[in-house]
Amino acid sequence: MAVIHRTTMSPEKRELLTDWLPSRPWYRGGARPRLAKAGGFRLDDPAGEVGIEFMVVTDDSGARPVTYHVPMTYRGAELPDGAHALIGTSVHGVLGLRWIYDGSGDPVAVAQIAALLSGNAQPQAQTESDTPDRSVVVSNPVTATVAAEFAVADGIDGTGITLVGGPLLRVHRRLDPAAAQPGIPTVTAPWRAVDGEESRSVLLSVHG
């Protein structure tokens, strides 16, 4: 199980996302985001090496607030051939220098996303060690295995992860209140708006 350290990161994760989000085709805010934490959860890396977090943040820099979902991984060394997915680096108060990646481009995160959608991974609380997050719901689980290679496509509506010989995993990036779609394998989770209202949205789904 991942251990959550009560310590600092410099720069903080939201600072890194403030610089990174405007480079994404699905971003719809102002020139510089103003981010507030809205929710999220974690998954464990079976090898215990890579931190995996699904972060939900709300940006109010545009005409209306927009809530984004960003899977992130935390590594103690650079991911080989992972420059395209790098969000930035940060110094962790306990673990030292960490390389932080967009999880859709990290093979460890993609494997665990597939395991989650298959019903074979247990969501963990975002801020507590060894604590399942039972608010995260997997509906219509389906077998989705990750081969050695996968392809990632960032579009204006989100991110698609094509598994070799398998289905398309979809990372929903801009969140609106929505229930799981009947018959579609999905992962839904709650998040809280800046006014305190709680919503539930689809964060991940499987197609094909």
N, C-alpha and C. Protein backbone atom coordinates (compact mmCIF):
# COMPACT_ATOMS: atom_id res chain seq x y z
N MET A 1 0.83 -1.20 0.00
CA MET A 1 0.00 0.00 0.00
C MET A 1 0.87 1.26 0.00
N ALA A 2 0.45 2.28 -0.74
CA ALA A 2 1.19 3.53 -0.77
C ALA A 2 1.08 4.23 0.58
N VAL A 3 2.18 4.86 0.98
CA VAL A 3 2.21 5.62 2.22
C VAL A 3 2.07 7.10 1.90
N ILE A 4 1.10 7.77 2.51
CA ILE A 4 0.90 9.20 2.31
C ILE A 4 1.71 9.95 3.35
N HIS A 5 2.70 10.72 2.89
CA HIS A 5 3.56 11.47 3.80
C HIS A 5 2.96 12.86 4.06
N ARG A 6 2.96 13.27 5.31
CA ARG A 6 2.51 14.62 5.67
C ARG A 6 3.70 15.55 5.54
N THR A 7 3.93 16.07 4.36
CA THR A 7 5.11 16.88 4.11
C THR A 7 4.83 17.86 2.99
N THR A 8 5.87 18.51 2.48
CA THR A 8 5.72 19.53 1.45
C THR A 8 6.22 19.03 0.11
N MET A 9 5.75 19.71 -0.94
CA MET A 9 6.31 19.53 -2.28
C MET A 9 6.58 20.91 -2.85
N SER A 10 7.72 21.07 -3.49
CA SER A 10 8.09 22.37 -4.04
C SER A 10 8.67 22.19 -5.45
N PRO A 11 7.94 22.69 -6.48
CA PRO A 11 6.64 23.36 -6.41
C PRO A 11 5.52 22.37 -6.09
N GLU A 12 4.38 22.92 -5.63
CA GLU A 12 3.22 22.08 -5.34
C GLU A 12 2.60 21.57 -6.64
N LYS A 13 1.79 20.53 -6.50
CA LYS A 13 1.19 19.91 -7.68
C LYS A 13 0.31 20.89 -8.46
N ARG A 14 -0.45 21.71 -7.74
CA ARG A 14 -1.31 22.67 -8.45
C ARG A 14 -0.49 23.72 -9.19
N GLU A 15 0.69 24.06 -8.67
CA GLU A 15 1.57 24.99 -9.38
C GLU A 15 2.04 24.38 -10.69
N LEU A 16 2.41 23.11 -10.66
CA LEU A 16 2.83 22.44 -11.88
C LEU A 16 1.69 22.37 -12.89
N LEU A 17 0.49 22.06 -12.41
CA LEU A 17 -0.66 21.99 -13.31
C LEU A 17 -1.01 23.35 -13.89
N THR A 18 -0.78 24.40 -13.13
CA THR A 18 -1.05 25.75 -13.64
C THR A 18 -0.24 26.03 -14.90
N ASP A 19 0.99 25.54 -14.95
CA ASP A 19 1.83 25.74 -16.13
C ASP A 19 1.50 24.74 -17.24
N TRP A 20 1.08 23.54 -16.86
CA TRP A 20 0.90 22.46 -17.84
C TRP A 20 -0.46 22.47 -18.52
N LEU A 21 -1.51 22.76 -17.79
CA LEU A 21 -2.86 22.64 -18.35
C LEU A 21 -3.08 23.45 -19.63
N PRO A 22 -2.61 24.71 -19.72
CA PRO A 22 -2.87 25.46 -20.95
C PRO A 22 -2.27 24.85 -22.21
N SER A 23 -1.36 23.90 -22.06
CA SER A 23 -0.76 23.25 -23.24
C SER A 23 -1.62 22.10 -23.76
N ARG A 24 -2.70 21.76 -23.06
CA ARG A 24 -3.53 20.62 -23.44
C ARG A 24 -4.66 21.05 -24.38
N PRO A 25 -4.99 20.26 -25.40
CA PRO A 25 -6.05 20.64 -26.34
C PRO A 25 -7.43 20.67 -25.71
N TRP A 26 -7.62 19.99 -24.58
CA TRP A 26 -8.93 19.95 -23.91
C TRP A 26 -9.09 21.05 -22.87
N TYR A 27 -8.08 21.89 -22.67
CA TYR A 27 -8.16 22.98 -21.69
C TYR A 27 -9.04 24.11 -22.24
N ARG A 28 -9.90 24.68 -21.39
CA ARG A 28 -10.85 25.70 -21.83
C ARG A 28 -10.83 26.94 -20.93
N GLY A 29 -9.76 27.17 -20.19
CA GLY A 29 -9.71 28.31 -19.28
C GLY A 29 -8.96 29.50 -19.85
N GLY A 30 -8.57 30.42 -18.94
CA GLY A 30 -7.83 31.59 -19.34
C GLY A 30 -6.37 31.28 -19.59
N ALA A 31 -5.59 32.33 -19.83
CA ALA A 31 -4.18 32.16 -20.15
C ALA A 31 -3.42 31.50 -19.01
N ARG A 32 -3.83 31.78 -17.78
CA ARG A 32 -3.19 31.16 -16.62
C ARG A 32 -4.28 30.67 -15.66
N PRO A 33 -4.36 29.36 -15.46
CA PRO A 33 -5.42 28.80 -14.61
C PRO A 33 -5.32 29.30 -13.17
N ARG A 34 -6.49 29.34 -12.51
CA ARG A 34 -6.57 29.55 -11.06
C ARG A 34 -7.25 28.31 -10.50
N LEU A 35 -6.47 27.46 -9.86
CA LEU A 35 -6.91 26.11 -9.54
C LEU A 35 -7.24 25.94 -8.07
N ALA A 36 -8.32 25.21 -7.82
CA ALA A 36 -8.70 24.80 -6.46
C ALA A 36 -8.90 23.29 -6.48
N LYS A 37 -8.45 22.63 -5.43
CA LYS A 37 -8.63 21.19 -5.34
C LYS A 37 -10.11 20.86 -5.23
N ALA A 38 -10.56 19.84 -5.98
CA ALA A 38 -11.98 19.48 -5.98
C ALA A 38 -12.22 18.03 -5.60
N GLY A 39 -11.20 17.20 -5.61
CA GLY A 39 -11.41 15.80 -5.27
C GLY A 39 -10.32 14.92 -5.85
N GLY A 40 -10.57 13.61 -5.83
CA GLY A 40 -9.62 12.66 -6.39
C GLY A 40 -9.47 11.41 -5.54
N PHE A 41 -8.65 10.51 -6.02
CA PHE A 41 -8.34 9.26 -5.31
C PHE A 41 -7.00 8.75 -5.81
N ARG A 42 -6.57 7.61 -5.27
CA ARG A 42 -5.29 7.02 -5.66
C ARG A 42 -5.47 5.54 -6.00
N LEU A 43 -4.47 5.01 -6.71
CA LEU A 43 -4.33 3.57 -6.90
C LEU A 43 -2.93 3.17 -6.47
N ASP A 44 -2.80 1.95 -6.03
CA ASP A 44 -1.48 1.44 -5.66
C ASP A 44 -0.77 0.84 -6.86
N ASP A 45 0.53 1.05 -6.94
CA ASP A 45 1.40 0.33 -7.87
C ASP A 45 1.75 -1.00 -7.21
N PRO A 46 1.43 -2.15 -7.83
CA PRO A 46 1.74 -3.43 -7.20
C PRO A 46 3.22 -3.59 -6.85
N ALA A 47 4.10 -2.92 -7.59
CA ALA A 47 5.53 -3.01 -7.31
C ALA A 47 5.97 -2.03 -6.23
N GLY A 48 5.08 -1.12 -5.85
CA GLY A 48 5.39 -0.17 -4.79
C GLY A 48 6.37 0.91 -5.16
N GLU A 49 6.58 1.16 -6.46
CA GLU A 49 7.59 2.11 -6.89
C GLU A 49 7.02 3.45 -7.36
N VAL A 50 5.84 3.42 -7.95
CA VAL A 50 5.27 4.60 -8.61
C VAL A 50 4.01 5.05 -7.88
N GLY A 51 3.94 6.33 -7.52
CA GLY A 51 2.72 6.88 -6.96
C GLY A 51 1.73 7.16 -8.07
N ILE A 52 0.45 6.84 -7.85
CA ILE A 52 -0.59 7.05 -8.86
C ILE A 52 -1.75 7.80 -8.22
N GLU A 53 -2.01 9.00 -8.70
CA GLU A 53 -3.09 9.81 -8.15
C GLU A 53 -3.98 10.32 -9.27
N PHE A 54 -5.28 10.33 -9.01
CA PHE A 54 -6.26 10.89 -9.94
C PHE A 54 -6.74 12.19 -9.32
N MET A 55 -6.23 13.31 -9.82
CA MET A 55 -6.49 14.60 -9.21
C MET A 55 -7.62 15.32 -9.96
N VAL A 56 -8.53 15.91 -9.20
CA VAL A 56 -9.62 16.71 -9.76
C VAL A 56 -9.45 18.13 -9.25
N VAL A 57 -9.37 19.09 -10.18
CA VAL A 57 -9.18 20.50 -9.82
C VAL A 57 -10.17 21.35 -10.60
N THR A 58 -10.58 22.45 -10.00
CA THR A 58 -11.49 23.39 -10.66
C THR A 58 -10.75 24.69 -10.96
N ASP A 59 -10.90 25.15 -12.19
CA ASP A 59 -10.26 26.37 -12.67
C ASP A 59 -11.32 27.45 -12.88
N ASP A 60 -11.13 28.62 -12.25
CA ASP A 60 -12.11 29.70 -12.43
C ASP A 60 -11.52 30.88 -13.19
N SER A 61 -10.53 30.61 -14.05
CA SER A 61 -9.89 31.70 -14.79
C SER A 61 -10.64 32.09 -16.05
N GLY A 62 -11.60 31.27 -16.48
CA GLY A 62 -12.33 31.56 -17.71
C GLY A 62 -13.68 32.18 -17.46
N ALA A 63 -14.53 32.10 -18.47
CA ALA A 63 -15.87 32.70 -18.36
C ALA A 63 -16.72 31.99 -17.32
N ARG A 64 -16.48 30.72 -17.11
CA ARG A 64 -17.18 29.95 -16.07
C ARG A 64 -16.21 28.93 -15.51
N PRO A 65 -16.42 28.47 -14.29
CA PRO A 65 -15.52 27.46 -13.73
C PRO A 65 -15.58 26.16 -14.53
N VAL A 66 -14.42 25.54 -14.70
CA VAL A 66 -14.32 24.24 -15.38
C VAL A 66 -13.54 23.30 -14.46
N THR A 67 -14.04 22.09 -14.31
CA THR A 67 -13.38 21.10 -13.46
C THR A 67 -12.68 20.07 -14.33
N TYR A 68 -11.40 19.83 -14.03
CA TYR A 68 -10.55 18.95 -14.82
C TYR A 68 -10.12 17.74 -14.02
N HIS A 69 -9.91 16.64 -14.74
CA HIS A 69 -9.42 15.39 -14.17
C HIS A 69 -8.05 15.10 -14.77
N VAL A 70 -7.04 14.94 -13.90
CA VAL A 70 -5.68 14.68 -14.35
C VAL A 70 -5.10 13.50 -13.59
N PRO A 71 -4.99 12.32 -14.22
CA PRO A 71 -4.23 11.23 -13.60
C PRO A 71 -2.75 11.62 -13.58
N MET A 72 -2.08 11.41 -12.45
CA MET A 72 -0.68 11.79 -12.31
C MET A 72 0.11 10.66 -11.70
N THR A 73 1.37 10.51 -12.13
CA THR A 73 2.27 9.55 -11.50
C THR A 73 3.47 10.28 -10.95
N TYR A 74 4.02 9.70 -9.88
CA TYR A 74 5.17 10.28 -9.19
C TYR A 74 6.28 9.24 -9.17
N ARG A 75 7.43 9.59 -9.74
CA ARG A 75 8.52 8.64 -9.89
C ARG A 75 9.81 9.20 -9.28
N GLY A 76 10.65 8.28 -8.82
CA GLY A 76 11.94 8.67 -8.26
C GLY A 76 13.03 8.80 -9.30
N ALA A 77 12.74 8.48 -10.56
CA ALA A 77 13.68 8.63 -11.67
C ALA A 77 12.86 8.91 -12.92
N GLU A 78 13.52 9.40 -13.95
CA GLU A 78 12.82 9.71 -15.18
C GLU A 78 12.24 8.45 -15.82
N LEU A 79 11.06 8.60 -16.42
CA LEU A 79 10.43 7.52 -17.18
C LEU A 79 11.09 7.45 -18.55
N PRO A 80 11.69 6.32 -18.91
CA PRO A 80 12.31 6.22 -20.25
C PRO A 80 11.30 6.53 -21.35
N ASP A 81 11.70 7.37 -22.29
CA ASP A 81 10.85 7.76 -23.41
C ASP A 81 9.55 8.42 -22.94
N GLY A 82 9.59 9.06 -21.76
CA GLY A 82 8.38 9.65 -21.22
C GLY A 82 8.31 11.16 -21.27
N ALA A 83 9.22 11.80 -22.03
CA ALA A 83 9.26 13.26 -22.05
C ALA A 83 7.94 13.87 -22.50
N HIS A 84 7.22 13.19 -23.40
CA HIS A 84 5.96 13.71 -23.90
C HIS A 84 4.89 13.81 -22.82
N ALA A 85 5.04 13.02 -21.75
CA ALA A 85 4.03 12.99 -20.69
C ALA A 85 4.46 13.73 -19.44
N LEU A 86 5.65 14.33 -19.45
CA LEU A 86 6.17 14.98 -18.24
C LEU A 86 5.38 16.25 -17.92
N ILE A 87 4.86 16.33 -16.71
CA ILE A 87 4.22 17.55 -16.22
C ILE A 87 5.25 18.47 -15.60
N GLY A 88 6.19 17.90 -14.85
CA GLY A 88 7.26 18.71 -14.25
C GLY A 88 7.96 17.91 -13.16
N THR A 89 8.89 18.55 -12.48
CA THR A 89 9.59 17.93 -11.37
C THR A 89 9.33 18.73 -10.10
N SER A 90 9.43 18.04 -8.96
CA SER A 90 9.16 18.68 -7.68
C SER A 90 10.01 18.00 -6.62
N VAL A 91 10.37 18.76 -5.58
CA VAL A 91 11.13 18.20 -4.48
C VAL A 91 10.17 17.85 -3.35
N HIS A 92 10.11 16.57 -3.04
CA HIS A 92 9.26 16.06 -1.97
C HIS A 92 10.03 16.12 -0.66
N GLY A 93 9.37 16.55 0.41
CA GLY A 93 10.04 16.76 1.68
C GLY A 93 10.64 15.50 2.29
N VAL A 94 10.13 14.32 1.91
CA VAL A 94 10.65 13.05 2.43
C VAL A 94 11.40 12.27 1.36
N LEU A 95 10.84 12.21 0.15
CA LEU A 95 11.36 11.34 -0.90
C LEU A 95 12.35 12.02 -1.83
N GLY A 96 12.48 13.34 -1.73
CA GLY A 96 13.42 14.06 -2.58
C GLY A 96 12.84 14.38 -3.95
N LEU A 97 13.70 14.48 -4.96
CA LEU A 97 13.28 14.90 -6.28
C LEU A 97 12.35 13.85 -6.90
N ARG A 98 11.21 14.32 -7.40
CA ARG A 98 10.24 13.44 -8.04
C ARG A 98 9.93 13.95 -9.44
N TRP A 99 9.80 13.02 -10.37
CA TRP A 99 9.36 13.32 -11.73
C TRP A 99 7.87 13.03 -11.79
N ILE A 100 7.09 14.01 -12.24
CA ILE A 100 5.64 13.91 -12.22
C ILE A 100 5.12 13.86 -13.66
N TYR A 101 4.36 12.82 -13.96
CA TYR A 101 3.89 12.58 -15.33
C TYR A 101 2.37 12.56 -15.42
N ASP A 102 1.88 12.88 -16.62
CA ASP A 102 0.47 12.65 -16.94
C ASP A 102 0.28 11.14 -16.99
N GLY A 103 -0.60 10.61 -16.16
CA GLY A 103 -0.76 9.17 -16.05
C GLY A 103 -1.18 8.48 -17.33
N SER A 104 -1.81 9.20 -18.26
CA SER A 104 -2.24 8.55 -19.50
C SER A 104 -1.06 8.12 -20.35
N GLY A 105 0.14 8.66 -20.07
CA GLY A 105 1.33 8.28 -20.82
C GLY A 105 2.30 7.45 -20.03
N ASP A 106 1.93 7.03 -18.82
CA ASP A 106 2.80 6.24 -17.96
C ASP A 106 2.30 4.80 -17.94
N PRO A 107 3.12 3.83 -18.36
CA PRO A 107 2.63 2.45 -18.46
C PRO A 107 2.16 1.86 -17.14
N VAL A 108 2.74 2.28 -16.02
CA VAL A 108 2.29 1.76 -14.72
C VAL A 108 0.87 2.24 -14.43
N ALA A 109 0.61 3.53 -14.67
CA ALA A 109 -0.74 4.05 -14.45
C ALA A 109 -1.75 3.44 -15.41
N VAL A 110 -1.37 3.28 -16.68
CA VAL A 110 -2.30 2.71 -17.66
C VAL A 110 -2.66 1.28 -17.27
N ALA A 111 -1.69 0.50 -16.81
CA ALA A 111 -1.97 -0.87 -16.38
C ALA A 111 -2.94 -0.88 -15.21
N GLN A 112 -2.79 0.06 -14.28
CA GLN A 112 -3.69 0.09 -13.13
C GLN A 112 -5.06 0.66 -13.47
N ILE A 113 -5.13 1.57 -14.45
CA ILE A 113 -6.43 2.03 -14.94
C ILE A 113 -7.19 0.85 -15.55
N ALA A 114 -6.49 0.05 -16.35
CA ALA A 114 -7.12 -1.13 -16.94
C ALA A 114 -7.57 -2.10 -15.85
N ALA A 115 -6.74 -2.27 -14.82
CA ALA A 115 -7.11 -3.16 -13.70
C ALA A 115 -8.33 -2.63 -12.97
N LEU A 116 -8.40 -1.32 -12.77
CA LEU A 116 -9.54 -0.72 -12.10
C LEU A 116 -10.82 -0.94 -12.89
N LEU A 117 -10.76 -0.69 -14.19
CA LEU A 117 -11.94 -0.87 -15.03
C LEU A 117 -12.32 -2.34 -15.18
N SER A 118 -11.39 -3.23 -14.86
CA SER A 118 -11.68 -4.66 -14.86
C SER A 118 -12.20 -5.15 -13.52
N GLY A 119 -12.23 -4.25 -12.52
CA GLY A 119 -12.66 -4.64 -11.18
C GLY A 119 -11.57 -5.30 -10.39
N ASN A 120 -10.30 -5.14 -10.80
CA ASN A 120 -9.18 -5.83 -10.16
C ASN A 120 -8.23 -4.89 -9.44
N ALA A 121 -8.62 -3.66 -9.20
CA ALA A 121 -7.81 -2.72 -8.42
C ALA A 121 -8.73 -1.99 -7.45
N GLN A 122 -8.24 -1.74 -6.25
CA GLN A 122 -9.03 -1.10 -5.20
C GLN A 122 -8.69 0.38 -5.11
N PRO A 123 -9.65 1.28 -5.38
CA PRO A 123 -9.37 2.72 -5.21
C PRO A 123 -8.99 3.02 -3.77
N GLN A 124 -8.03 3.91 -3.61
CA GLN A 124 -7.53 4.29 -2.29
C GLN A 124 -7.80 5.77 -2.03
N ALA A 125 -7.96 6.11 -0.75
CA ALA A 125 -8.21 7.50 -0.38
C ALA A 125 -7.04 8.39 -0.83
N GLN A 126 -7.35 9.60 -1.21
CA GLN A 126 -6.35 10.52 -1.74
C GLN A 126 -5.36 10.98 -0.68
N THR A 127 -5.80 11.09 0.57
CA THR A 127 -4.95 11.71 1.59
C THR A 127 -4.72 10.83 2.81
N GLU A 128 -5.12 9.55 2.75
CA GLU A 128 -4.93 8.65 3.89
C GLU A 128 -4.25 7.37 3.42
N SER A 129 -3.27 6.89 4.18
CA SER A 129 -2.60 5.65 3.85
C SER A 129 -3.49 4.45 4.14
N ASP A 130 -3.39 3.42 3.30
CA ASP A 130 -4.05 2.13 3.53
C ASP A 130 -5.53 2.29 3.87
N THR A 131 -6.23 3.14 3.06
CA THR A 131 -7.65 3.41 3.31
C THR A 131 -8.42 3.33 2.00
N PRO A 132 -9.20 2.28 1.78
CA PRO A 132 -9.99 2.21 0.54
C PRO A 132 -10.95 3.38 0.42
N ASP A 133 -11.14 3.85 -0.80
CA ASP A 133 -12.10 4.92 -1.08
C ASP A 133 -13.33 4.29 -1.71
N ARG A 134 -14.35 4.07 -0.91
CA ARG A 134 -15.54 3.38 -1.39
C ARG A 134 -16.51 4.32 -2.12
N SER A 135 -16.16 5.60 -2.20
CA SER A 135 -16.99 6.51 -2.98
C SER A 135 -16.73 6.39 -4.48
N VAL A 136 -15.62 5.75 -4.83
CA VAL A 136 -15.28 5.53 -6.24
C VAL A 136 -15.96 4.24 -6.69
N VAL A 137 -16.74 4.32 -7.76
CA VAL A 137 -17.59 3.20 -8.17
C VAL A 137 -17.21 2.75 -9.58
N VAL A 138 -16.97 1.46 -9.72
CA VAL A 138 -16.74 0.85 -11.03
C VAL A 138 -18.02 0.18 -11.48
N SER A 139 -18.56 0.59 -12.61
CA SER A 139 -19.79 0.02 -13.14
C SER A 139 -19.50 -0.80 -14.39
N ASN A 140 -20.13 -1.94 -14.52
CA ASN A 140 -19.99 -2.82 -15.69
C ASN A 140 -18.53 -3.16 -15.99
N PRO A 141 -17.78 -3.67 -15.02
CA PRO A 141 -16.36 -3.96 -15.26
C PRO A 141 -16.16 -4.90 -16.43
N VAL A 142 -15.07 -4.70 -17.14
CA VAL A 142 -14.77 -5.48 -18.34
C VAL A 142 -13.29 -5.82 -18.33
N THR A 143 -12.94 -6.96 -18.91
CA THR A 143 -11.54 -7.35 -18.97
C THR A 143 -10.80 -6.42 -19.91
N ALA A 144 -9.76 -5.77 -19.39
CA ALA A 144 -8.94 -4.86 -20.20
C ALA A 144 -7.50 -5.06 -19.76
N THR A 145 -6.72 -5.70 -20.61
CA THR A 145 -5.32 -5.95 -20.27
C THR A 145 -4.42 -5.08 -21.14
N VAL A 146 -3.29 -4.68 -20.58
CA VAL A 146 -2.37 -3.78 -21.27
C VAL A 146 -1.20 -4.58 -21.81
N ALA A 147 -1.00 -4.51 -23.12
CA ALA A 147 0.16 -5.14 -23.73
C ALA A 147 1.38 -4.25 -23.53
N ALA A 148 2.50 -4.65 -24.11
CA ALA A 148 3.73 -3.90 -23.94
C ALA A 148 3.62 -2.49 -24.52
N GLU A 149 2.76 -2.32 -25.50
CA GLU A 149 2.64 -1.02 -26.15
C GLU A 149 1.18 -0.55 -26.10
N PHE A 150 1.03 0.76 -26.05
CA PHE A 150 -0.30 1.37 -26.15
C PHE A 150 -0.11 2.73 -26.80
N ALA A 151 -1.17 3.26 -27.36
CA ALA A 151 -1.11 4.56 -28.04
C ALA A 151 -2.02 5.54 -27.34
N VAL A 152 -1.54 6.77 -27.19
CA VAL A 152 -2.29 7.82 -26.49
C VAL A 152 -2.60 8.94 -27.48
N ALA A 153 -3.84 9.38 -27.47
CA ALA A 153 -4.26 10.49 -28.33
C ALA A 153 -5.00 11.52 -27.49
N ASP A 154 -4.44 12.71 -27.39
CA ASP A 154 -5.08 13.82 -26.70
C ASP A 154 -5.93 14.59 -27.70
N GLY A 155 -7.21 14.77 -27.40
CA GLY A 155 -8.09 15.52 -28.28
C GLY A 155 -8.79 16.62 -27.54
N ILE A 156 -9.67 17.33 -28.23
CA ILE A 156 -10.34 18.47 -27.61
C ILE A 156 -11.35 18.03 -26.55
N ASP A 157 -11.77 16.75 -26.58
CA ASP A 157 -12.76 16.28 -25.63
C ASP A 157 -12.18 15.36 -24.55
N GLY A 158 -10.90 15.06 -24.62
CA GLY A 158 -10.31 14.18 -23.62
C GLY A 158 -9.16 13.39 -24.19
N THR A 159 -8.82 12.29 -23.54
CA THR A 159 -7.66 11.49 -23.93
C THR A 159 -8.08 10.05 -24.14
N GLY A 160 -7.68 9.49 -25.27
CA GLY A 160 -7.93 8.09 -25.56
C GLY A 160 -6.65 7.28 -25.44
N ILE A 161 -6.74 6.12 -24.80
CA ILE A 161 -5.61 5.21 -24.67
C ILE A 161 -6.00 3.92 -25.38
N THR A 162 -5.38 3.65 -26.54
CA THR A 162 -5.68 2.47 -27.32
C THR A 162 -4.75 1.34 -26.91
N LEU A 163 -5.32 0.26 -26.39
CA LEU A 163 -4.55 -0.90 -26.00
C LEU A 163 -4.36 -1.81 -27.20
N VAL A 164 -3.14 -2.28 -27.42
CA VAL A 164 -2.87 -3.18 -28.54
C VAL A 164 -3.68 -4.46 -28.35
N GLY A 165 -4.53 -4.76 -29.34
CA GLY A 165 -5.37 -5.95 -29.26
C GLY A 165 -6.49 -5.85 -28.26
N GLY A 166 -6.77 -4.64 -27.76
CA GLY A 166 -7.79 -4.48 -26.73
C GLY A 166 -8.67 -3.28 -27.00
N PRO A 167 -9.43 -2.86 -26.00
CA PRO A 167 -10.38 -1.77 -26.17
C PRO A 167 -9.71 -0.40 -26.04
N LEU A 168 -10.51 0.64 -26.21
CA LEU A 168 -10.07 2.02 -26.01
C LEU A 168 -10.45 2.45 -24.59
N LEU A 169 -9.46 2.89 -23.83
CA LEU A 169 -9.72 3.48 -22.53
C LEU A 169 -9.83 4.98 -22.71
N ARG A 170 -10.83 5.57 -22.11
CA ARG A 170 -11.03 7.01 -22.25
C ARG A 170 -10.84 7.69 -20.90
N VAL A 171 -9.98 8.70 -20.89
CA VAL A 171 -9.79 9.55 -19.71
C VAL A 171 -10.63 10.80 -19.91
N HIS A 172 -11.68 10.96 -19.11
CA HIS A 172 -12.54 12.13 -19.22
C HIS A 172 -11.83 13.28 -18.51
N ARG A 173 -11.62 14.37 -19.22
CA ARG A 173 -10.81 15.47 -18.71
C ARG A 173 -11.64 16.62 -18.14
N ARG A 174 -12.66 17.07 -18.86
CA ARG A 174 -13.54 18.13 -18.35
C ARG A 174 -14.77 17.45 -17.75
N LEU A 175 -15.00 17.69 -16.47
CA LEU A 175 -16.04 16.95 -15.75
C LEU A 175 -17.32 17.77 -15.64
N ASP A 176 -18.42 17.13 -15.98
CA ASP A 176 -19.75 17.64 -15.72
C ASP A 176 -20.48 16.60 -14.89
N PRO A 177 -21.43 17.02 -14.06
CA PRO A 177 -22.19 16.03 -13.29
C PRO A 177 -22.86 15.03 -14.22
N ALA A 178 -22.56 13.76 -14.03
CA ALA A 178 -23.12 12.74 -14.91
C ALA A 178 -23.05 11.39 -14.23
N ALA A 179 -24.06 10.59 -14.43
CA ALA A 179 -24.08 9.23 -13.89
C ALA A 179 -23.42 8.29 -14.89
N ALA A 180 -23.09 7.10 -14.43
CA ALA A 180 -22.54 6.10 -15.33
C ALA A 180 -23.57 5.76 -16.40
N GLN A 181 -23.09 5.52 -17.62
CA GLN A 181 -23.98 5.21 -18.72
C GLN A 181 -24.31 3.73 -18.72
N PRO A 182 -25.59 3.36 -18.87
CA PRO A 182 -25.97 1.95 -18.84
C PRO A 182 -25.18 1.13 -19.87
N GLY A 183 -24.59 0.03 -19.41
CA GLY A 183 -23.88 -0.87 -20.30
C GLY A 183 -22.46 -0.48 -20.61
N ILE A 184 -22.04 0.73 -20.25
CA ILE A 184 -20.68 1.19 -20.54
C ILE A 184 -19.82 1.00 -19.29
N PRO A 185 -18.67 0.33 -19.40
CA PRO A 185 -17.78 0.24 -18.25
C PRO A 185 -17.24 1.63 -17.88
N THR A 186 -17.48 2.04 -16.65
CA THR A 186 -17.08 3.38 -16.23
C THR A 186 -16.54 3.35 -14.81
N VAL A 187 -15.77 4.39 -14.50
CA VAL A 187 -15.39 4.71 -13.12
C VAL A 187 -15.95 6.09 -12.81
N THR A 188 -16.80 6.18 -11.79
CA THR A 188 -17.32 7.47 -11.36
C THR A 188 -16.79 7.79 -9.97
N ALA A 189 -16.66 9.09 -9.69
CA ALA A 189 -16.17 9.53 -8.38
C ALA A 189 -16.78 10.88 -8.06
N PRO A 190 -16.92 11.20 -6.78
CA PRO A 190 -17.46 12.50 -6.39
C PRO A 190 -16.40 13.58 -6.42
N TRP A 191 -16.84 14.82 -6.59
CA TRP A 191 -15.97 15.99 -6.46
C TRP A 191 -16.81 17.15 -5.95
N ARG A 192 -16.13 18.14 -5.41
CA ARG A 192 -16.84 19.25 -4.77
C ARG A 192 -16.53 20.56 -5.49
N ALA A 193 -17.58 21.28 -5.87
CA ALA A 193 -17.41 22.56 -6.56
C ALA A 193 -16.96 23.63 -5.57
N VAL A 194 -16.55 24.79 -6.10
CA VAL A 194 -16.05 25.86 -5.24
C VAL A 194 -17.11 26.38 -4.30
N ASP A 195 -18.39 26.20 -4.66
CA ASP A 195 -19.47 26.64 -3.77
C ASP A 195 -19.85 25.57 -2.74
N GLY A 196 -19.13 24.45 -2.75
CA GLY A 196 -19.38 23.39 -1.79
C GLY A 196 -20.32 22.32 -2.26
N GLU A 197 -20.97 22.51 -3.40
CA GLU A 197 -21.91 21.51 -3.90
C GLU A 197 -21.17 20.28 -4.41
N GLU A 198 -21.64 19.10 -4.02
CA GLU A 198 -20.98 17.85 -4.44
C GLU A 198 -21.64 17.29 -5.69
N SER A 199 -20.80 16.84 -6.62
CA SER A 199 -21.29 16.22 -7.85
C SER A 199 -20.57 14.89 -8.04
N ARG A 200 -21.07 14.08 -8.93
CA ARG A 200 -20.42 12.83 -9.31
C ARG A 200 -20.29 12.80 -10.83
N SER A 201 -19.11 12.39 -11.30
CA SER A 201 -18.86 12.39 -12.74
C SER A 201 -18.13 11.11 -13.15
N VAL A 202 -18.22 10.81 -14.45
CA VAL A 202 -17.43 9.74 -15.04
C VAL A 202 -16.00 10.25 -15.25
N LEU A 203 -15.03 9.54 -14.68
CA LEU A 203 -13.62 9.90 -14.86
C LEU A 203 -12.93 9.04 -15.90
N LEU A 204 -13.35 7.77 -15.98
CA LEU A 204 -12.72 6.80 -16.89
C LEU A 204 -13.81 5.93 -17.50
N SER A 205 -13.60 5.48 -18.74
CA SER A 205 -14.56 4.58 -19.36
C SER A 205 -13.84 3.72 -20.39
N VAL A 206 -14.55 2.67 -20.85
CA VAL A 206 -14.02 1.75 -21.84
C VAL A 206 -14.97 1.74 -23.03
N HIS A 207 -14.39 1.73 -24.24
CA HIS A 207 -15.20 1.73 -25.47
C HIS A 207 -14.59 0.74 -26.46
N GLY A 208 -15.45 0.02 -27.13
CA GLY A 208 -14.97 -0.91 -28.16
C GLY A 208 -14.66 -2.29 -27.61
